[in-house]
Amino acid sequence: MRGEIETAACISTPDSKIAVRVIAADKEAMIARHTQTTIHHAAA
């Protein structure tokens, strides 16, 4: 994760007090994991 943050595109201005970076996410996989967790907890 650390390497992803360091190589992510920085979209904040040079004089900004914080760095704002764009980090790609696999949304379909994230939704699938959350759905699986929800179904597992509902069945328990």
Protein backbone atom coordinates (compact mmCIF):
# COMPACT_ATOMS: atom_id res chain seq x y z
CA MET A 1 0.00 0.00 0.00
CA ARG A 2 2.81 2.41 0.84
CA GLY A 3 4.28 2.11 -2.66
CA GLU A 4 0.86 2.73 -4.20
CA ILE A 5 0.49 5.97 -2.25
CA GLU A 6 3.94 7.22 -3.18
CA THR A 7 3.38 6.54 -6.90
CA ALA A 8 -0.23 7.80 -7.04
CA ALA A 9 -0.92 10.96 -9.01
CA CYS A 10 -0.78 14.07 -6.84
CA ILE A 11 -3.66 16.45 -7.63
CA SER A 12 -3.11 19.06 -4.92
CA THR A 13 -1.36 22.35 -5.63
CA PRO A 14 2.34 22.75 -4.75
CA ASP A 15 1.49 25.27 -2.01
CA SER A 16 -1.15 23.02 -0.40
CA LYS A 17 -0.56 22.04 3.24
CA ILE A 18 -1.54 18.44 2.45
CA ALA A 19 -0.97 16.17 -0.54
CA VAL A 20 -4.09 14.89 -2.28
CA ARG A 21 -3.43 11.75 -4.33
CA VAL A 22 -5.52 9.61 -6.66
CA ILE A 23 -5.38 5.91 -5.82
CA ALA A 24 -6.96 3.43 -8.21
CA ALA A 25 -9.40 0.93 -6.74
CA ASP A 26 -10.90 -2.27 -8.11
CA LYS A 27 -14.50 -1.37 -7.30
CA GLU A 28 -16.05 -4.61 -8.53
CA ALA A 29 -13.77 -6.69 -6.29
CA MET A 30 -14.44 -4.37 -3.35
CA ILE A 31 -18.22 -4.68 -3.82
CA ALA A 32 -17.92 -8.48 -4.13
CA ARG A 33 -15.92 -8.71 -0.88
CA HIS A 34 -18.42 -6.53 0.99
CA THR A 35 -21.34 -8.56 -0.39
CA GLN A 36 -19.69 -11.84 0.61
CA THR A 37 -19.05 -10.51 4.13
CA THR A 38 -22.64 -9.27 4.45
CA ILE A 39 -24.08 -12.61 3.31
CA HIS A 40 -21.76 -14.52 5.64
CA HIS A 41 -22.78 -12.41 8.64
CA ALA A 42 -26.48 -12.65 7.77
CA ALA A 43 -26.27 -16.46 7.59
CA ALA A 44 -24.58 -16.74 10.98
